[in-house]
C-alpha atoms as a PDB file:
ATOM      1  CA  MET A   1     -88.110  86.591  95.353  1.00  0.00           C
ATOM      2  CA  ARG A   2     -91.385  88.962  95.060  1.00  0.00           C
ATOM      3  CA  PHE A   3     -94.445  88.993  97.235  1.00  0.00           C
ATOM      4  CA  HIS A   4     -97.278  89.975  95.490  1.00  0.00           C
ATOM      5  CA  MET A   5     -99.698  90.352  98.462  1.00  0.00           C
ATOM      6  CA  ASN A   6    -103.066  91.632  99.000  1.00  0.00           C
ATOM      7  CA  GLY A   7    -103.970  93.119 101.327  1.00  0.00           C
ATOM      8  CA  SER A   8    -103.821  92.237 129.167  1.00  0.00           C
ATOM      9  CA  SER A   9    -106.375  89.372 129.448  1.00  0.00           C
ATOM     10  CA  ASP A  10    -107.138  86.000 130.061  1.00  0.00           C
ATOM     11  CA  ASP A  11    -109.325  83.165 128.227  1.00  0.00           C
ATOM     12  CA  SER A  12    -112.417  84.468 130.695  1.00  0.00           C
ATOM     13  CA  ASP A  13    -112.357  88.208 129.446  1.00  0.00           C
ATOM     14  CA  ILE A  14    -112.313  87.316 125.602  1.00  0.00           C
ATOM     15  CA  VAL A  15    -115.282  85.062 126.565  1.00  0.00           C
ATOM     16  CA  ALA A  16    -117.069  87.786 128.199  1.00  0.00           C
ATOM     17  CA  SER A  17    -116.545  90.752 126.416  1.00  0.00           C
ATOM     18  CA  THR A  18    -116.614  88.719 122.737  1.00  0.00           C
ATOM     19  CA  ALA A  19    -119.893  86.488 123.078  1.00  0.00           C
ATOM     20  CA  THR A  20    -122.041  87.940 120.864  1.00  0.00           C
ATOM     21  CA  ALA A  21    -119.724  88.515 118.134  1.00  0.00           C
ATOM     22  CA  GLU A  22    -117.668  84.933 118.449  1.00  0.00           C
ATOM     23  CA  HIS A  23    -118.586  81.865 116.307  1.00  0.00           C
ATOM     24  CA  ILE A  24    -117.177  78.063 115.566  1.00  0.00           C
ATOM     25  CA  ARG A  25    -115.952  77.607 112.747  1.00  0.00           C
ATOM     26  CA  LYS A  26    -115.718  74.140 111.795  1.00  0.00           C
ATOM     27  CA  PHE A  27    -112.365  72.493 109.121  1.00  0.00           C
ATOM     28  CA  VAL A  28    -112.730  68.883 108.105  1.00  0.00           C
ATOM     29  CA  PHE A  29    -109.792  66.813 106.942  1.00  0.00           C
ATOM     30  CA  SER A  30    -110.525  63.558 105.234  1.00  0.00           C
ATOM     31  CA  CYS A  31    -108.454  61.106 102.730  1.00  0.00           C
ATOM     32  CA  ASN A  32    -110.431  57.878 100.977  1.00  0.00           C
ATOM     33  CA  VAL A  33    -107.691  55.047 100.413  1.00  0.00           C
ATOM     34  CA  GLY A  34    -108.290  51.678  99.394  1.00  0.00           C
ATOM     35  CA  SER A  35    -108.975  49.693  96.279  1.00  0.00           C
ATOM     36  CA  GLY A  36    -111.986  48.433  95.039  1.00  0.00           C
ATOM     37  CA  GLY A  37    -115.074  48.026  97.350  1.00  0.00           C
ATOM     38  CA  ASP A  38    -113.114  48.616 100.414  1.00  0.00           C
ATOM     39  CA  THR A  39    -112.369  52.138 101.521  1.00  0.00           C
ATOM     40  CA  THR A  40    -111.347  53.219 104.771  1.00  0.00           C
ATOM     41  CA  VAL A  41    -111.783  57.547 105.344  1.00  0.00           C
ATOM     42  CA  ASP A  42    -109.081  59.185 107.404  1.00  0.00           C
ATOM     43  CA  ARG A  43    -110.882  62.009 109.066  1.00  0.00           C
ATOM     44  CA  LEU A  44    -110.345  64.978 111.256  1.00  0.00           C
ATOM     45  CA  GLU A  45    -112.321  68.373 112.116  1.00  0.00           C
ATOM     46  CA  ILE A  46    -111.010  70.877 113.786  1.00  0.00           C
ATOM     47  CA  ARG A  47    -113.272  73.425 114.961  1.00  0.00           C
ATOM     48  CA  ILE A  48    -111.854  77.375 115.553  1.00  0.00           C
ATOM     49  CA  PRO A  49    -113.069  79.683 117.059  1.00  0.00           C
ATOM     50  CA  GLU A  50    -113.483  83.247 115.642  1.00  0.00           C
ATOM     51  CA  ILE A  51    -114.382  86.702 116.619  1.00  0.00           C
ATOM     52  CA  LEU A  52    -115.374  88.495 113.331  1.00  0.00           C
ATOM     53  CA  GLN A  53    -115.105  92.098 114.250  1.00  0.00           C
ATOM     54  CA  GLY A  54    -111.317  91.629 116.166  1.00  0.00           C
ATOM     55  CA  ALA A  55    -108.020  91.925 115.808  1.00  0.00           C
ATOM     56  CA  TYR A  56    -106.233  89.783 112.878  1.00  0.00           C
ATOM     57  CA  SER A  57    -105.492  87.401 115.102  1.00  0.00           C
ATOM     58  CA  PHE A  58    -108.999  86.537 115.779  1.00  0.00           C
ATOM     59  CA  TYR A  59    -109.900  85.539 112.127  1.00  0.00           C
ATOM     60  CA  THR A  60    -108.717  82.465 110.133  1.00  0.00           C
ATOM     61  CA  TRP A  61    -107.225  84.190 106.390  1.00  0.00           C
ATOM     62  CA  PRO A  62    -107.035  81.625 103.663  1.00  0.00           C
ATOM     63  CA  SER A  63    -103.819  81.404 103.737  1.00  0.00           C
ATOM     64  CA  ALA A  64    -104.584  79.339 106.760  1.00  0.00           C
ATOM     65  CA  PRO A  65    -106.376  76.146 105.419  1.00  0.00           C
ATOM     66  CA  VAL A  66    -103.834  75.824 102.196  1.00  0.00           C
ATOM     67  CA  LEU A  67    -101.195  75.411 104.520  1.00  0.00           C
ATOM     68  CA  ALA A  68    -103.437  72.929 106.771  1.00  0.00           C
ATOM     69  CA  TYR A  69    -104.391  70.529 104.036  1.00  0.00           C
ATOM     70  CA  PHE A  70    -100.484  70.693 102.921  1.00  0.00           C
ATOM     71  CA  LEU A  71     -99.658  69.672 106.324  1.00  0.00           C
ATOM     72  CA  TRP A  72    -102.914  66.674 106.074  1.00  0.00           C
ATOM     73  CA  GLU A  73    -102.150  65.396 103.226  1.00  0.00           C
ATOM     74  CA  ARG A  74     -98.083  64.470 104.517  1.00  0.00           C
ATOM     75  CA  ARG A  75     -99.336  63.823 107.729  1.00  0.00           C
ATOM     76  CA  GLN A  76     -98.120  60.272 108.140  1.00  0.00           C
ATOM     77  CA  THR A  77     -94.586  62.608 108.419  1.00  0.00           C
ATOM     78  CA  LEU A  78     -95.833  64.425 111.460  1.00  0.00           C
ATOM     79  CA  ALA A  79     -95.728  61.930 113.964  1.00  0.00           C
ATOM     80  CA  CYS A  80     -93.796  63.427 116.568  1.00  0.00           C
ATOM     81  CA  LYS A  81     -92.164  65.791 114.687  1.00  0.00           C
ATOM     82  CA  ARG A  82     -90.773  69.159 116.399  1.00  0.00           C
ATOM     83  CA  ILE A  83     -92.680  71.666 114.885  1.00  0.00           C
ATOM     84  CA  LEU A  84     -93.251  75.929 115.914  1.00  0.00           C
ATOM     85  CA  GLU A  85     -95.910  78.439 114.055  1.00  0.00           C
ATOM     86  CA  LEU A  86     -95.049  81.590 114.133  1.00  0.00           C
ATOM     87  CA  GLY A  87     -98.059  84.254 114.464  1.00  0.00           C
ATOM     88  CA  ALA A  88    -100.289  81.317 115.079  1.00  0.00           C
ATOM     89  CA  GLY A  89    -103.337  83.264 115.213  1.00  0.00           C
ATOM     90  CA  THR A  90    -106.407  80.780 115.392  1.00  0.00           C
ATOM     91  CA  ALA A  91    -103.460  78.312 114.846  1.00  0.00           C
ATOM     92  CA  LEU A  92    -105.849  76.300 112.256  1.00  0.00           C
ATOM     93  CA  PRO A  93    -102.335  74.132 110.938  1.00  0.00           C
ATOM     94  CA  GLY A  94    -100.866  73.613 114.490  1.00  0.00           C
ATOM     95  CA  ILE A  95    -103.538  72.700 115.714  1.00  0.00           C
ATOM     96  CA  LEU A  96    -103.986  69.900 112.983  1.00  0.00           C
ATOM     97  CA  ALA A  97    -100.369  69.086 113.378  1.00  0.00           C
ATOM     98  CA  ALA A  98    -100.173  68.651 116.867  1.00  0.00           C
ATOM     99  CA  LYS A  99    -103.270  65.923 116.160  1.00  0.00           C
ATOM    100  CA  CYS A 100    -101.636  64.610 113.819  1.00  0.00           C
ATOM    101  CA  GLY A 101     -98.953  63.500 116.606  1.00  0.00           C
ATOM    102  CA  ALA A 102     -96.528  66.246 116.326  1.00  0.00           C
ATOM    103  CA  GLN A 103     -94.954  67.994 119.064  1.00  0.00           C
ATOM    104  CA  VAL A 104     -96.063  71.712 118.681  1.00  0.00           C
ATOM    105  CA  VAL A 105     -95.573  75.030 120.376  1.00  0.00           C
ATOM    106  CA  LEU A 106     -97.801  77.700 119.050  1.00  0.00           C
ATOM    107  CA  SER A 107     -96.315  81.400 119.046  1.00  0.00           C
ATOM    108  CA  ASP A 108     -97.662  84.656 118.554  1.00  0.00           C
ATOM    109  CA  ASN A 109     -96.666  88.297 119.707  1.00  0.00           C
ATOM    110  CA  CYS A 110     -95.678  88.415 123.433  1.00  0.00           C
ATOM    111  CA  ILE A 111     -97.253  92.036 123.599  1.00  0.00           C
ATOM    112  CA  LEU A 112    -101.059  90.619 122.480  1.00  0.00           C
ATOM    113  CA  PRO A 113    -102.170  88.537 125.186  1.00  0.00           C
ATOM    114  CA  LYS A 114    -105.946  88.306 124.149  1.00  0.00           C
ATOM    115  CA  SER A 115    -104.011  86.847 120.958  1.00  0.00           C
ATOM    116  CA  LEU A 116    -102.145  84.151 123.198  1.00  0.00           C
ATOM    117  CA  ALA A 117    -105.501  83.564 125.137  1.00  0.00           C
ATOM    118  CA  HIS A 118    -107.287  83.202 122.634  1.00  0.00           C
ATOM    119  CA  ILE A 119    -105.083  80.511 120.916  1.00  0.00           C
ATOM    120  CA  ARG A 120    -105.332  78.416 124.006  1.00  0.00           C
ATOM    121  CA  LYS A 121    -109.316  79.281 123.017  1.00  0.00           C
ATOM    122  CA  SER A 122    -108.385  77.285 119.656  1.00  0.00           C
ATOM    123  CA  CYS A 123    -106.476  74.231 121.672  1.00  0.00           C
ATOM    124  CA  LEU A 124    -109.419  73.386 124.083  1.00  0.00           C
ATOM    125  CA  ALA A 125    -111.851  73.861 121.444  1.00  0.00           C
ATOM    126  CA  ASN A 126    -109.982  70.626 120.269  1.00  0.00           C
ATOM    127  CA  GLN A 127    -108.877  68.732 122.946  1.00  0.00           C
ATOM    128  CA  LEU A 128    -105.704  69.630 123.658  1.00  0.00           C
ATOM    129  CA  GLN A 129    -104.647  71.290 127.212  1.00  0.00           C
ATOM    130  CA  PRO A 130    -102.669  73.915 126.884  1.00  0.00           C
ATOM    131  CA  GLY A 131     -98.850  72.903 129.021  1.00  0.00           C
ATOM    132  CA  VAL A 132     -99.778  69.700 128.091  1.00  0.00           C
ATOM    133  CA  ASP A 133    -100.436  68.115 124.697  1.00  0.00           C
ATOM    134  CA  ILE A 134     -99.773  71.670 123.086  1.00  0.00           C
ATOM    135  CA  ASP A 135     -97.453  74.545 123.937  1.00  0.00           C
ATOM    136  CA  VAL A 136     -98.308  77.823 123.841  1.00  0.00           C
ATOM    137  CA  VAL A 137     -95.854  80.923 123.918  1.00  0.00           C
ATOM    138  CA  GLY A 138     -95.138  84.456 123.198  1.00  0.00           C
ATOM    139  CA  LEU A 139     -92.820  85.347 121.078  1.00  0.00           C
ATOM    140  CA  SER A 140     -91.865  89.067 119.431  1.00  0.00           C
ATOM    141  CA  TRP A 141     -90.405  89.208 115.971  1.00  0.00           C
ATOM    142  CA  GLY A 142     -86.606  90.275 115.389  1.00  0.00           C
ATOM    143  CA  LEU A 143     -86.551  90.102 119.441  1.00  0.00           C
ATOM    144  CA  LEU A 144     -84.566  87.458 120.575  1.00  0.00           C
ATOM    145  CA  LEU A 145     -85.496  87.534 124.059  1.00  0.00           C
ATOM    146  CA  ASN A 146     -85.555  84.660 126.891  1.00  0.00           C
ATOM    147  CA  SER A 147     -88.820  83.059 124.967  1.00  0.00           C
ATOM    148  CA  VAL A 148     -86.756  82.424 121.955  1.00  0.00           C
ATOM    149  CA  PHE A 149     -83.652  80.703 123.809  1.00  0.00           C
ATOM    150  CA  ARG A 150     -86.680  78.434 125.702  1.00  0.00           C
ATOM    151  CA  LEU A 151     -87.731  76.545 122.837  1.00  0.00           C
ATOM    152  CA  PRO A 152     -87.417  73.068 122.280  1.00  0.00           C
ATOM    153  CA  ALA A 153     -85.265  71.494 118.827  1.00  0.00           C
ATOM    154  CA  LEU A 154     -87.233  72.410 115.811  1.00  0.00           C
ATOM    155  CA  ASP A 155     -87.681  70.112 112.671  1.00  0.00           C
ATOM    156  CA  LEU A 156     -90.050  72.881 111.235  1.00  0.00           C
ATOM    157  CA  ILE A 157     -91.186  75.825 111.176  1.00  0.00           C
ATOM    158  CA  ILE A 158     -94.296  76.760 109.901  1.00  0.00           C
ATOM    159  CA  ALA A 159     -96.430  80.163 109.253  1.00  0.00           C
ATOM    160  CA  ALA A 160     -99.445  81.080 107.210  1.00  0.00           C
ATOM    161  CA  ASP A 161    -100.142  84.951 106.069  1.00  0.00           C
ATOM    162  CA  CYS A 162     -97.099  86.238 108.260  1.00  0.00           C
ATOM    163  CA  PHE A 163     -96.044  88.384 105.424  1.00  0.00           C
ATOM    164  CA  TYR A 164     -98.770  91.068 105.326  1.00  0.00           C
ATOM    165  CA  ASP A 165     -97.173  93.977 106.319  1.00  0.00           C
ATOM    166  CA  PRO A 166     -93.732  95.492 104.879  1.00  0.00           C
ATOM    167  CA  SER A 167     -92.691  96.675 108.242  1.00  0.00           C
ATOM    168  CA  VAL A 168     -92.386  93.485 109.304  1.00  0.00           C
ATOM    169  CA  PHE A 169     -90.671  92.068 106.927  1.00  0.00           C
ATOM    170  CA  GLU A 170     -87.404  92.071 108.239  1.00  0.00           C
ATOM    171  CA  ASP A 171     -88.179  91.039 111.628  1.00  0.00           C
ATOM    172  CA  ILE A 172     -89.702  88.009 110.918  1.00  0.00           C
ATOM    173  CA  ILE A 173     -86.803  86.925 108.627  1.00  0.00           C
ATOM    174  CA  VAL A 174     -84.236  87.791 111.399  1.00  0.00           C
ATOM    175  CA  THR A 175     -86.460  85.426 113.530  1.00  0.00           C
ATOM    176  CA  VAL A 176     -86.491  83.068 110.739  1.00  0.00           C
ATOM    177  CA  ALA A 177     -82.062  82.949 110.299  1.00  0.00           C
ATOM    178  CA  PHE A 178     -81.498  82.648 113.973  1.00  0.00           C
ATOM    179  CA  LEU A 179     -83.777  79.353 114.239  1.00  0.00           C
ATOM    180  CA  LEU A 180     -82.731  77.129 111.468  1.00  0.00           C
ATOM    181  CA  GLU A 181     -79.035  78.433 112.520  1.00  0.00           C
ATOM    182  CA  ARG A 182     -79.637  76.859 115.946  1.00  0.00           C
ATOM    183  CA  ASN A 183     -81.979  73.451 113.965  1.00  0.00           C
ATOM    184  CA  ARG A 184     -79.259  72.626 111.495  1.00  0.00           C
ATOM    185  CA  GLY A 185     -81.609  70.775 108.727  1.00  0.00           C
ATOM    186  CA  ALA A 186     -84.685  72.492 109.709  1.00  0.00           C
ATOM    187  CA  LYS A 187     -87.328  74.366 107.234  1.00  0.00           C
ATOM    188  CA  PHE A 188     -89.457  76.936 107.448  1.00  0.00           C
ATOM    189  CA  ILE A 189     -92.811  76.353 105.132  1.00  0.00           C
ATOM    190  CA  PHE A 190     -95.135  79.386 105.071  1.00  0.00           C
ATOM    191  CA  THR A 191     -98.083  80.578 102.973  1.00  0.00           C
ATOM    192  CA  TYR A 192     -98.592  84.067 101.953  1.00  0.00           C
ATOM    193  CA  GLN A 193    -101.685  86.051 100.470  1.00  0.00           C
ATOM    194  CA  GLU A 194    -100.334  88.543  97.245  1.00  0.00           C
ATOM    195  CA  ARG A 195    -101.053  91.839  98.183  1.00  0.00           C
ATOM    196  CA  SER A 196     -98.657  94.453  96.338  1.00  0.00           C
ATOM    197  CA  ALA A 197     -96.180  93.963  93.945  1.00  0.00           C
ATOM    198  CA  ASP A 198     -93.869  96.293  95.071  1.00  0.00           C
ATOM    199  CA  TRP A 199     -93.600  93.819  98.321  1.00  0.00           C
ATOM    200  CA  SER A 200     -90.506  91.282  98.140  1.00  0.00           C
ATOM    201  CA  ILE A 201     -88.333  89.451 100.313  1.00  0.00           C
ATOM    202  CA  GLU A 202     -85.374  88.872  97.985  1.00  0.00           C
ATOM    203  CA  ALA A 203     -82.761  91.588  98.939  1.00  0.00           C
ATOM    204  CA  LEU A 204     -83.220  89.960 103.000  1.00  0.00           C
ATOM    205  CA  LEU A 205     -83.074  86.387 102.279  1.00  0.00           C
ATOM    206  CA  LYS A 206     -79.738  87.552 100.895  1.00  0.00           C
ATOM    207  CA  LYS A 207     -78.690  89.652 103.655  1.00  0.00           C
ATOM    208  CA  TRP A 208     -79.431  86.362 106.090  1.00  0.00           C
ATOM    209  CA  LYS A 209     -78.584  83.537 103.828  1.00  0.00           C
ATOM    210  CA  LEU A 210     -81.584  81.840 103.307  1.00  0.00           C
ATOM    211  CA  HIS A 211     -82.643  80.600  99.945  1.00  0.00           C
ATOM    212  CA  ALA A 212     -86.315  80.278  99.454  1.00  0.00           C
ATOM    213  CA  SER A 213     -88.243  77.868  96.795  1.00  0.00           C
ATOM    214  CA  SER A 214     -91.543  77.394  95.458  1.00  0.00           C
ATOM    215  CA  ILE A 215     -93.917  74.998  96.181  1.00  0.00           C
ATOM    216  CA  ASN A 216     -96.302  73.554  93.580  1.00  0.00           C
ATOM    217  CA  MET A 217     -99.533  73.679  94.970  1.00  0.00           C
ATOM    218  CA  ASP A 218    -101.726  71.881  92.304  1.00  0.00           C
ATOM    219  CA  ASP A 219    -102.272  68.460  94.409  1.00  0.00           C
ATOM    220  CA  ILE A 220    -103.172  69.901  97.591  1.00  0.00           C
ATOM    221  CA  GLY A 221    -106.821  69.443  98.632  1.00  0.00           C
ATOM    222  CA  LYS A 222    -107.121  66.741  95.874  1.00  0.00           C
ATOM    223  CA  GLN A 223    -106.768  63.875  98.084  1.00  0.00           C
ATOM    224  CA  SER A 224    -109.663  65.078 100.649  1.00  0.00           C
ATOM    225  CA  GLY A 225    -111.705  65.831  96.870  1.00  0.00           C
ATOM    226  CA  VAL A 226    -111.170  69.667  98.037  1.00  0.00           C
ATOM    227  CA  ASP A 227    -110.846  72.478  95.780  1.00  0.00           C
ATOM    228  CA  LEU A 228    -108.463  75.153  97.475  1.00  0.00           C
ATOM    229  CA  LEU A 229    -110.034  77.694  95.502  1.00  0.00           C
ATOM    230  CA  GLU A 230    -113.156  77.400  97.762  1.00  0.00           C
ATOM    231  CA  TYR A 231    -111.062  78.443 100.605  1.00  0.00           C
ATOM    232  CA  MET A 232    -108.379  81.440  98.738  1.00  0.00           C
ATOM    233  CA  GLY A 233    -111.975  83.438  98.205  1.00  0.00           C
ATOM    234  CA  GLY A 234    -110.650  84.579  95.080  1.00  0.00           C
ATOM    235  CA  HIS A 235    -107.310  85.721  96.859  1.00  0.00           C
ATOM    236  CA  THR A 236    -103.888  84.032  95.239  1.00  0.00           C
ATOM    237  CA  ILE A 237    -102.091  82.282  97.601  1.00  0.00           C
ATOM    238  CA  HIS A 238     -98.473  80.823  97.016  1.00  0.00           C
ATOM    239  CA  LEU A 239     -96.673  78.262  99.387  1.00  0.00           C
ATOM    240  CA  LEU A 240     -92.637  78.272  99.907  1.00  0.00           C
ATOM    241  CA  GLU A 241     -89.896  77.043 101.927  1.00  0.00           C
ATOM    242  CA  ILE A 242     -87.268  78.573 103.368  1.00  0.00           C
ATOM    243  CA  THR A 243     -83.517  76.999 104.320  1.00  0.00           C
ATOM    244  CA  LEU A 244     -80.181  78.024 105.506  1.00  0.00           C
ATOM    245  CA  ILE A 245     -77.474  78.154 103.089  1.00  0.00           C
ATOM    246  CA  GLU A 246     -74.828  76.349 104.204  1.00  0.00           C
ATOM    247  CA  PRO A 247     -71.289  76.529 103.203  1.00  0.00           C
ATOM    248  CA  GLN A 248     -70.117  74.024 101.151  1.00  0.00           C
ATOM    249  CA  ASN A 249     -66.466  74.718 102.421  1.00  0.00           C
ATOM    250  CA  VAL A 250     -64.674  77.360 104.253  1.00  0.00           C
ATOM    251  CA  GLY A 251     -63.718  79.360 101.006  1.00  0.00           C
ATOM    252  CA  ASP A 252     -67.155  79.980 100.720  1.00  0.00           C
ATOM    253  CA  LEU A 253     -67.289  81.859 103.886  1.00  0.00           C
ATOM    254  CA  VAL A 254     -64.887  84.138 102.661  1.00  0.00           C
ATOM    255  CA  GLU A 255     -66.910  86.674 100.242  1.00  0.00           C
END
């Protein structure tokens, strides 16, 4: 599979040092349901604090709303699901899942406390109390630290635009493979933005015995009357699902 992809602190420290650069970005999710003259509207507004002059994790990249709308239009299936978001950044998809009833763990690099603080700030902006309504943890891709082993059982792993740099591709794949091995039946669903025709994870998927399949995006946003192209900003976004290749029998384990 080829990837054509383009391109220590606490919450109060972030507020104090970046107040002039920060703004709140609103994402509205809705769905008209009903027939005839009776129409009910399911609606959810998520507020995301963004720091435009900050690091990558302080901005909502185009892949995030695409994944969020994918989850929103399957919100009936999210209740009580145990979900981990990798490289959460501003955490739009994970926060949406939590607001739809999922048990969510948001994660980002454990050596970036400002990023983790910003995730907590995004949660609070949406009336989600970290440690109570939602969890925020530090994870380093490719490193099996205690925080990885302390994760709860998972049904789904999600990520938006984590494959932004080839130097981290295997670290992500190793982490995903380990988590899928520990959570049999779980899936990794992620969006990515095209940046280079030379970037690929095909060999890594084979090495770590994972299977990837594309998810059709044609209908995403239609229930909500949303044109995803408005969020993509001229970029090409793809949606994929990765699962663990399960041996059919003992003989399959022998190459």
